[in-house]
PDB file of N, CA and C in Angstrom:
ATOM      1  N   MET A   1     -14.301  -7.780  -0.519  1.00  0.00           N
ATOM      2  CA  MET A   1     -15.689  -8.182  -0.646  1.00  0.00           C
ATOM      3  C   MET A   1     -16.322  -7.374  -1.772  1.00  0.00           C
ATOM      4  N   LEU A   2     -17.069  -8.035  -2.599  1.00  0.00           N
ATOM      5  CA  LEU A   2     -17.683  -7.379  -3.740  1.00  0.00           C
ATOM      6  C   LEU A   2     -18.755  -6.390  -3.305  1.00  0.00           C
ATOM      7  N   ALA A   3     -18.849  -5.320  -4.060  1.00  0.00           N
ATOM      8  CA  ALA A   3     -19.876  -4.294  -3.888  1.00  0.00           C
ATOM      9  C   ALA A   3     -19.780  -3.539  -2.568  1.00  0.00           C
ATOM     10  N   GLU A   4     -18.699  -3.682  -1.873  1.00  0.00           N
ATOM     11  CA  GLU A   4     -18.516  -2.958  -0.620  1.00  0.00           C
ATOM     12  C   GLU A   4     -17.905  -1.592  -0.921  1.00  0.00           C
ATOM     13  N   HIS A   5     -18.502  -0.562  -0.353  1.00  0.00           N
ATOM     14  CA  HIS A   5     -17.991   0.794  -0.570  1.00  0.00           C
ATOM     15  C   HIS A   5     -16.754   1.028   0.278  1.00  0.00           C
ATOM     16  N   HIS A   6     -15.736   1.559  -0.369  1.00  0.00           N
ATOM     17  CA  HIS A   6     -14.511   1.923   0.331  1.00  0.00           C
ATOM     18  C   HIS A   6     -14.205   3.400   0.152  1.00  0.00           C
ATOM     19  N   ASP A   7     -15.191   4.183  -0.285  1.00  0.00           N
ATOM     20  CA  ASP A   7     -14.916   5.604  -0.455  1.00  0.00           C
ATOM     21  C   ASP A   7     -14.587   6.209   0.910  1.00  0.00           C
ATOM     22  N   ILE A   8     -13.884   7.309   0.879  1.00  0.00           N
ATOM     23  CA  ILE A   8     -13.343   7.902   2.105  1.00  0.00           C
ATOM     24  C   ILE A   8     -14.423   8.232   3.128  1.00  0.00           C
ATOM     25  N   ASP A   9     -15.542   8.744   2.701  1.00  0.00           N
ATOM     26  CA  ASP A   9     -16.603   9.087   3.649  1.00  0.00           C
ATOM     27  C   ASP A   9     -17.131   7.844   4.365  1.00  0.00           C
ATOM     28  N   HIS A  10     -17.214   6.718   3.660  1.00  0.00           N
ATOM     29  CA  HIS A  10     -17.642   5.458   4.293  1.00  0.00           C
ATOM     30  C   HIS A  10     -16.543   4.880   5.185  1.00  0.00           C
ATOM     31  N   GLU A  11     -15.302   5.058   4.779  1.00  0.00           N
ATOM     32  CA  GLU A  11     -14.184   4.515   5.545  1.00  0.00           C
ATOM     33  C   GLU A  11     -13.980   5.248   6.875  1.00  0.00           C
ATOM     34  N   PHE A  12     -14.194   6.543   6.872  1.00  0.00           N
ATOM     35  CA  PHE A  12     -13.940   7.355   8.067  1.00  0.00           C
ATOM     36  C   PHE A  12     -15.159   8.219   8.415  1.00  0.00           C
ATOM     37  N   PRO A  13     -16.276   7.610   8.773  1.00  0.00           N
ATOM     38  CA  PRO A  13     -17.484   8.407   9.057  1.00  0.00           C
ATOM     39  C   PRO A  13     -17.293   9.377  10.225  1.00  0.00           C
ATOM     40  N   GLU A  14     -16.397   9.046  11.131  1.00  0.00           N
ATOM     41  CA  GLU A  14     -16.160   9.919  12.281  1.00  0.00           C
ATOM     42  C   GLU A  14     -15.489  11.231  11.878  1.00  0.00           C
ATOM     43  N   TYR A  15     -14.927  11.274  10.665  1.00  0.00           N
ATOM     44  CA  TYR A  15     -14.261  12.474  10.167  1.00  0.00           C
ATOM     45  C   TYR A  15     -15.081  13.190   9.090  1.00  0.00           C
ATOM     46  N   HIS A  16     -16.360  12.886   8.991  1.00  0.00           N
ATOM     47  CA  HIS A  16     -17.184  13.446   7.920  1.00  0.00           C
ATOM     48  C   HIS A  16     -17.090  14.977   7.843  1.00  0.00           C
ATOM     49  N   THR A  17     -17.272  15.644   8.946  1.00  0.00           N
ATOM     50  CA  THR A  17     -17.257  17.115   8.962  1.00  0.00           C
ATOM     51  C   THR A  17     -15.884  17.647   8.601  1.00  0.00           C
ATOM     52  N   LYS A  18     -14.857  17.063   9.178  1.00  0.00           N
ATOM     53  CA  LYS A  18     -13.486  17.493   8.899  1.00  0.00           C
ATOM     54  C   LYS A  18     -13.109  17.204   7.445  1.00  0.00           C
ATOM     55  N   LEU A  19     -13.530  16.064   6.928  1.00  0.00           N
ATOM     56  CA  LEU A  19     -13.261  15.703   5.543  1.00  0.00           C
ATOM     57  C   LEU A  19     -13.855  16.740   4.592  1.00  0.00           C
ATOM     58  N   LYS A  20     -15.094  17.076   4.828  1.00  0.00           N
ATOM     59  CA  LYS A  20     -15.787  18.061   3.986  1.00  0.00           C
ATOM     60  C   LYS A  20     -15.070  19.417   4.032  1.00  0.00           C
ATOM     61  N   ALA A  21     -14.674  19.838   5.220  1.00  0.00           N
ATOM     62  CA  ALA A  21     -13.994  21.123   5.371  1.00  0.00           C
ATOM     63  C   ALA A  21     -12.632  21.125   4.668  1.00  0.00           C
ATOM     64  N   LEU A  22     -11.876  20.047   4.818  1.00  0.00           N
ATOM     65  CA  LEU A  22     -10.560  19.976   4.179  1.00  0.00           C
ATOM     66  C   LEU A  22     -10.672  19.927   2.658  1.00  0.00           C
ATOM     67  N   VAL A  23     -11.649  19.214   2.159  1.00  0.00           N
ATOM     68  CA  VAL A  23     -11.857  19.147   0.708  1.00  0.00           C
ATOM     69  C   VAL A  23     -12.147  20.543   0.162  1.00  0.00           C
ATOM     70  N   GLU A  24     -12.907  21.320   0.904  1.00  0.00           N
ATOM     71  CA  GLU A  24     -13.269  22.668   0.459  1.00  0.00           C
ATOM     72  C   GLU A  24     -12.093  23.638   0.519  1.00  0.00           C
ATOM     73  N   LYS A  25     -11.192  23.461   1.480  1.00  0.00           N
ATOM     74  CA  LYS A  25     -10.126  24.461   1.645  1.00  0.00           C
ATOM     75  C   LYS A  25      -8.769  24.033   1.089  1.00  0.00           C
ATOM     76  N   ASP A  26      -8.571  22.758   0.799  1.00  0.00           N
ATOM     77  CA  ASP A  26      -7.271  22.264   0.346  1.00  0.00           C
ATOM     78  C   ASP A  26      -7.429  21.538  -0.995  1.00  0.00           C
ATOM     79  N   PRO A  27      -7.116  22.222  -2.098  1.00  0.00           N
ATOM     80  CA  PRO A  27      -7.308  21.623  -3.422  1.00  0.00           C
ATOM     81  C   PRO A  27      -6.514  20.330  -3.640  1.00  0.00           C
ATOM     82  N   ASP A  28      -5.307  20.256  -3.104  1.00  0.00           N
ATOM     83  CA  ASP A  28      -4.503  19.030  -3.247  1.00  0.00           C
ATOM     84  C   ASP A  28      -5.145  17.865  -2.514  1.00  0.00           C
ATOM     85  N   PHE A  29      -5.643  18.134  -1.340  1.00  0.00           N
ATOM     86  CA  PHE A  29      -6.341  17.106  -0.562  1.00  0.00           C
ATOM     87  C   PHE A  29      -7.597  16.658  -1.303  1.00  0.00           C
ATOM     88  N   ALA A  30      -8.328  17.600  -1.860  1.00  0.00           N
ATOM     89  CA  ALA A  30      -9.543  17.279  -2.615  1.00  0.00           C
ATOM     90  C   ALA A  30      -9.228  16.381  -3.804  1.00  0.00           C
ATOM     91  N   ILE A  31      -8.112  16.626  -4.472  1.00  0.00           N
ATOM     92  CA  ILE A  31      -7.696  15.795  -5.606  1.00  0.00           C
ATOM     93  C   ILE A  31      -7.383  14.373  -5.137  1.00  0.00           C
ATOM     94  N   GLN A  32      -6.725  14.251  -3.995  1.00  0.00           N
ATOM     95  CA  GLN A  32      -6.411  12.921  -3.461  1.00  0.00           C
ATOM     96  C   GLN A  32      -7.681  12.153  -3.111  1.00  0.00           C
ATOM     97  N   VAL A  33      -8.617  12.817  -2.480  1.00  0.00           N
ATOM     98  CA  VAL A  33      -9.882  12.172  -2.123  1.00  0.00           C
ATOM     99  C   VAL A  33     -10.633  11.762  -3.389  1.00  0.00           C
ATOM    100  N   GLU A  34     -10.673  12.649  -4.367  1.00  0.00           N
ATOM    101  CA  GLU A  34     -11.367  12.341  -5.617  1.00  0.00           C
ATOM    102  C   GLU A  34     -10.703  11.161  -6.327  1.00  0.00           C
ATOM    103  N   ARG A  35      -9.384  11.149  -6.369  1.00  0.00           N
ATOM    104  CA  ARG A  35      -8.658  10.049  -7.016  1.00  0.00           C
ATOM    105  C   ARG A  35      -8.936   8.734  -6.298  1.00  0.00           C
ATOM    106  N   HIS A  36      -8.908   8.762  -4.973  1.00  0.00           N
ATOM    107  CA  HIS A  36      -9.197   7.563  -4.181  1.00  0.00           C
ATOM    108  C   HIS A  36     -10.592   7.038  -4.504  1.00  0.00           C
ATOM    109  N   ASP A  37     -11.572   7.908  -4.473  1.00  0.00           N
ATOM    110  CA  ASP A  37     -12.954   7.487  -4.676  1.00  0.00           C
ATOM    111  C   ASP A  37     -13.201   7.005  -6.110  1.00  0.00           C
ATOM    112  N   LYS A  38     -12.539   7.615  -7.089  1.00  0.00           N
ATOM    113  CA  LYS A  38     -12.659   7.135  -8.470  1.00  0.00           C
ATOM    114  C   LYS A  38     -12.057   5.738  -8.601  1.00  0.00           C
ATOM    115  N   LEU A  39     -10.904   5.532  -7.998  1.00  0.00           N
ATOM    116  CA  LEU A  39     -10.289   4.204  -8.018  1.00  0.00           C
ATOM    117  C   LEU A  39     -11.202   3.181  -7.348  1.00  0.00           C
ATOM    118  N   ASP A  40     -11.770   3.556  -6.227  1.00  0.00           N
ATOM    119  CA  ASP A  40     -12.680   2.655  -5.526  1.00  0.00           C
ATOM    120  C   ASP A  40     -13.849   2.253  -6.422  1.00  0.00           C
ATOM    121  N   ASN A  41     -14.429   3.225  -7.098  1.00  0.00           N
ATOM    122  CA  ASN A  41     -15.545   2.936  -8.008  1.00  0.00           C
ATOM    123  C   ASN A  41     -15.111   2.034  -9.151  1.00  0.00           C
ATOM    124  N   GLN A  42     -13.943   2.300  -9.726  1.00  0.00           N
ATOM    125  CA  GLN A  42     -13.442   1.478 -10.825  1.00  0.00           C
ATOM    126  C   GLN A  42     -13.200   0.039 -10.374  1.00  0.00           C
ATOM    127  N   ILE A  43     -12.578  -0.116  -9.219  1.00  0.00           N
ATOM    128  CA  ILE A  43     -12.288  -1.455  -8.687  1.00  0.00           C
ATOM    129  C   ILE A  43     -13.579  -2.209  -8.432  1.00  0.00           C
ATOM    130  N   ARG A  44     -14.515  -1.547  -7.777  1.00  0.00           N
ATOM    131  CA  ARG A  44     -15.788  -2.196  -7.462  1.00  0.00           C
ATOM    132  C   ARG A  44     -16.526  -2.617  -8.735  1.00  0.00           C
ATOM    133  N   GLU A  45     -16.531  -1.731  -9.723  1.00  0.00           N
ATOM    134  CA  GLU A  45     -17.204  -2.046 -10.985  1.00  0.00           C
ATOM    135  C   GLU A  45     -16.532  -3.229 -11.686  1.00  0.00           C
ATOM    136  N   LEU A  46     -15.223  -3.228 -11.726  1.00  0.00           N
ATOM    137  CA  LEU A  46     -14.501  -4.338 -12.356  1.00  0.00           C
ATOM    138  C   LEU A  46     -14.807  -5.665 -11.656  1.00  0.00           C
ATOM    139  N   GLU A  47     -14.856  -5.627 -10.327  1.00  0.00           N
ATOM    140  CA  GLU A  47     -15.126  -6.847  -9.564  1.00  0.00           C
ATOM    141  C   GLU A  47     -16.570  -7.313  -9.749  1.00  0.00           C
ATOM    142  N   GLU A  48     -17.509  -6.386  -9.716  1.00  0.00           N
ATOM    143  CA  GLU A  48     -18.924  -6.742  -9.838  1.00  0.00           C
ATOM    144  C   GLU A  48     -19.264  -7.291 -11.217  1.00  0.00           C
ATOM    145  N   LEU A  49     -18.693  -6.678 -12.235  1.00  0.00           N
ATOM    146  CA  LEU A  49     -19.028  -7.070 -13.595  1.00  0.00           C
ATOM    147  C   LEU A  49     -18.120  -8.178 -14.128  1.00  0.00           C
ATOM    148  N   GLY A  50     -17.115  -8.533 -13.355  1.00  0.00           N
ATOM    149  CA  GLY A  50     -16.197  -9.567 -13.793  1.00  0.00           C
ATOM    150  C   GLY A  50     -15.458  -9.182 -15.064  1.00  0.00           C
ATOM    151  N   GLN A  51     -15.141  -7.895 -15.186  1.00  0.00           N
ATOM    152  CA  GLN A  51     -14.441  -7.412 -16.371  1.00  0.00           C
ATOM    153  C   GLN A  51     -13.057  -8.043 -16.463  1.00  0.00           C
ATOM    154  N   PRO A  52     -12.637  -8.335 -17.666  1.00  0.00           N
ATOM    155  CA  PRO A  52     -11.308  -8.928 -17.820  1.00  0.00           C
ATOM    156  C   PRO A  52     -10.216  -7.900 -17.509  1.00  0.00           C
ATOM    157  N   ILE A  53      -9.445  -8.194 -16.508  1.00  0.00           N
ATOM    158  CA  ILE A  53      -8.310  -7.354 -16.120  1.00  0.00           C
ATOM    159  C   ILE A  53      -7.321  -8.282 -15.432  1.00  0.00           C
ATOM    160  N   SER A  54      -6.067  -8.038 -15.654  1.00  0.00           N
ATOM    161  CA  SER A  54      -5.062  -8.912 -15.054  1.00  0.00           C
ATOM    162  C   SER A  54      -5.016  -8.706 -13.542  1.00  0.00           C
ATOM    163  N   ASP A  55      -4.624  -9.758 -12.844  1.00  0.00           N
ATOM    164  CA  ASP A  55      -4.473  -9.661 -11.393  1.00  0.00           C
ATOM    165  C   ASP A  55      -3.477  -8.565 -11.038  1.00  0.00           C
ATOM    166  N   GLU A  56      -2.441  -8.447 -11.835  1.00  0.00           N
ATOM    167  CA  GLU A  56      -1.423  -7.431 -11.584  1.00  0.00           C
ATOM    168  C   GLU A  56      -2.021  -6.030 -11.654  1.00  0.00           C
ATOM    169  N   ASN A  57      -2.867  -5.793 -12.629  1.00  0.00           N
ATOM    170  CA  ASN A  57      -3.479  -4.462 -12.782  1.00  0.00           C
ATOM    171  C   ASN A  57      -4.455  -4.146 -11.648  1.00  0.00           C
ATOM    172  N   ILE A  58      -5.298  -5.097 -11.285  1.00  0.00           N
ATOM    173  CA  ILE A  58      -6.264  -4.833 -10.213  1.00  0.00           C
ATOM    174  C   ILE A  58      -5.540  -4.652  -8.879  1.00  0.00           C
ATOM    175  N   GLU A  59      -4.488  -5.435  -8.668  1.00  0.00           N
ATOM    176  CA  GLU A  59      -3.713  -5.283  -7.429  1.00  0.00           C
ATOM    177  C   GLU A  59      -2.989  -3.947  -7.396  1.00  0.00           C
ATOM    178  N   SER A  60      -2.536  -3.490  -8.535  1.00  0.00           N
ATOM    179  CA  SER A  60      -1.888  -2.181  -8.616  1.00  0.00           C
ATOM    180  C   SER A  60      -2.883  -1.071  -8.270  1.00  0.00           C
ATOM    181  N   MET A  61      -4.099  -1.203  -8.773  1.00  0.00           N
ATOM    182  CA  MET A  61      -5.141  -0.223  -8.457  1.00  0.00           C
ATOM    183  C   MET A  61      -5.459  -0.238  -6.961  1.00  0.00           C
ATOM    184  N   LYS A  62      -5.549  -1.413  -6.383  1.00  0.00           N
ATOM    185  CA  LYS A  62      -5.846  -1.524  -4.952  1.00  0.00           C
ATOM    186  C   LYS A  62      -4.700  -0.968  -4.114  1.00  0.00           C
ATOM    187  N   PHE A  63      -3.470  -1.194  -4.557  1.00  0.00           N
ATOM    188  CA  PHE A  63      -2.304  -0.669  -3.847  1.00  0.00           C
ATOM    189  C   PHE A  63      -2.315   0.852  -3.864  1.00  0.00           C
ATOM    190  N   GLU A  64      -2.628   1.438  -5.031  1.00  0.00           N
ATOM    191  CA  GLU A  64      -2.706   2.897  -5.128  1.00  0.00           C
ATOM    192  C   GLU A  64      -3.821   3.437  -4.237  1.00  0.00           C
ATOM    193  N   ARG A  65      -4.977   2.755  -4.245  1.00  0.00           N
ATOM    194  CA  ARG A  65      -6.102   3.182  -3.404  1.00  0.00           C
ATOM    195  C   ARG A  65      -5.703   3.160  -1.925  1.00  0.00           C
ATOM    196  N   ALA A  66      -5.022   2.102  -1.512  1.00  0.00           N
ATOM    197  CA  ALA A  66      -4.597   1.992  -0.112  1.00  0.00           C
ATOM    198  C   ALA A  66      -3.601   3.086   0.254  1.00  0.00           C
ATOM    199  N   GLY A  67      -2.687   3.396  -0.665  1.00  0.00           N
ATOM    200  CA  GLY A  67      -1.720   4.471  -0.404  1.00  0.00           C
ATOM    201  C   GLY A  67      -2.400   5.817  -0.243  1.00  0.00           C
ATOM    202  N   LEU A  68      -3.365   6.088  -1.100  1.00  0.00           N
ATOM    203  CA  LEU A  68      -4.119   7.338  -0.985  1.00  0.00           C
ATOM    204  C   LEU A  68      -4.906   7.382   0.318  1.00  0.00           C
ATOM    205  N   LYS A  69      -5.486   6.254   0.685  1.00  0.00           N
ATOM    206  CA  LYS A  69      -6.243   6.189   1.938  1.00  0.00           C
ATOM    207  C   LYS A  69      -5.344   6.518   3.123  1.00  0.00           C
ATOM    208  N   ASP A  70      -4.124   5.982   3.121  1.00  0.00           N
ATOM    209  CA  ASP A  70      -3.172   6.260   4.205  1.00  0.00           C
ATOM    210  C   ASP A  70      -2.829   7.740   4.278  1.00  0.00           C
ATOM    211  N   ILE A  71      -2.591   8.343   3.118  1.00  0.00           N
ATOM    212  CA  ILE A  71      -2.255   9.771   3.072  1.00  0.00           C
ATOM    213  C   ILE A  71      -3.423  10.614   3.585  1.00  0.00           C
ATOM    214  N   ILE A  72      -4.615  10.275   3.134  1.00  0.00           N
ATOM    215  CA  ILE A  72      -5.815  11.021   3.534  1.00  0.00           C
ATOM    216  C   ILE A  72      -6.065  10.881   5.025  1.00  0.00           C
ATOM    217  N   TYR A  73      -5.938   9.661   5.530  1.00  0.00           N
ATOM    218  CA  TYR A  73      -6.151   9.432   6.955  1.00  0.00           C
ATOM    219  C   TYR A  73      -5.137  10.211   7.799  1.00  0.00           C
ATOM    220  N   ALA A  74      -3.889  10.210   7.365  1.00  0.00           N
ATOM    221  CA  ALA A  74      -2.856  10.954   8.104  1.00  0.00           C
ATOM    222  C   ALA A  74      -3.204  12.447   8.144  1.00  0.00           C
ATOM    223  N   LYS A  75      -3.687  12.966   7.032  1.00  0.00           N
ATOM    224  CA  LYS A  75      -4.054  14.384   6.979  1.00  0.00           C
ATOM    225  C   LYS A  75      -5.254  14.675   7.893  1.00  0.00           C
ATOM    226  N   LEU A  76      -6.231  13.777   7.904  1.00  0.00           N
ATOM    227  CA  LEU A  76      -7.381  13.947   8.782  1.00  0.00           C
ATOM    228  C   LEU A  76      -6.957  13.926  10.250  1.00  0.00           C
ATOM    229  N   ARG A  77      -6.068  13.023  10.601  1.00  0.00           N
ATOM    230  CA  ARG A  77      -5.598  12.933  11.991  1.00  0.00           C
ATOM    231  C   ARG A  77      -4.700  14.089  12.358  1.00  0.00           C
ATOM    232  N   GLU A  78      -3.915  14.558  11.409  1.00  0.00           N
ATOM    233  CA  GLU A  78      -2.976  15.661  11.633  1.00  0.00           C
ATOM    234  C   GLU A  78      -3.701  16.935  12.025  1.00  0.00           C
ATOM    235  N   THR A  79      -4.857  17.141  11.471  1.00  0.00           N
ATOM    236  CA  THR A  79      -5.582  18.376  11.728  1.00  0.00           C
ATOM    237  C   THR A  79      -6.575  18.244  12.874  1.00  0.00           C
ATOM    238  N   THR A  80      -6.455  17.150  13.625  1.00  0.00           N
ATOM    239  CA  THR A  80      -7.364  16.939  14.755  1.00  0.00           C
ATOM    240  C   THR A  80      -7.002  17.853  15.894  1.00  0.00           C
TER     241      THR A  80
END
């Protein structure tokens, strides 16, 4: 859906406090969250503005975003 936020904080509001704490203490985790959120912003912007990009490229970006989301979610659940 266009213009829908998929950043990690919106995706997992129940983990807001834990997300913030992990980002502060784990630099690798912070990089993954930042990469995910940057990809989300890029995808949303491309979709909203109708920028010319191949289906293969946008799908590749979405696949990477989903993979990062899975990794981040596993880390959030692991530290529960």
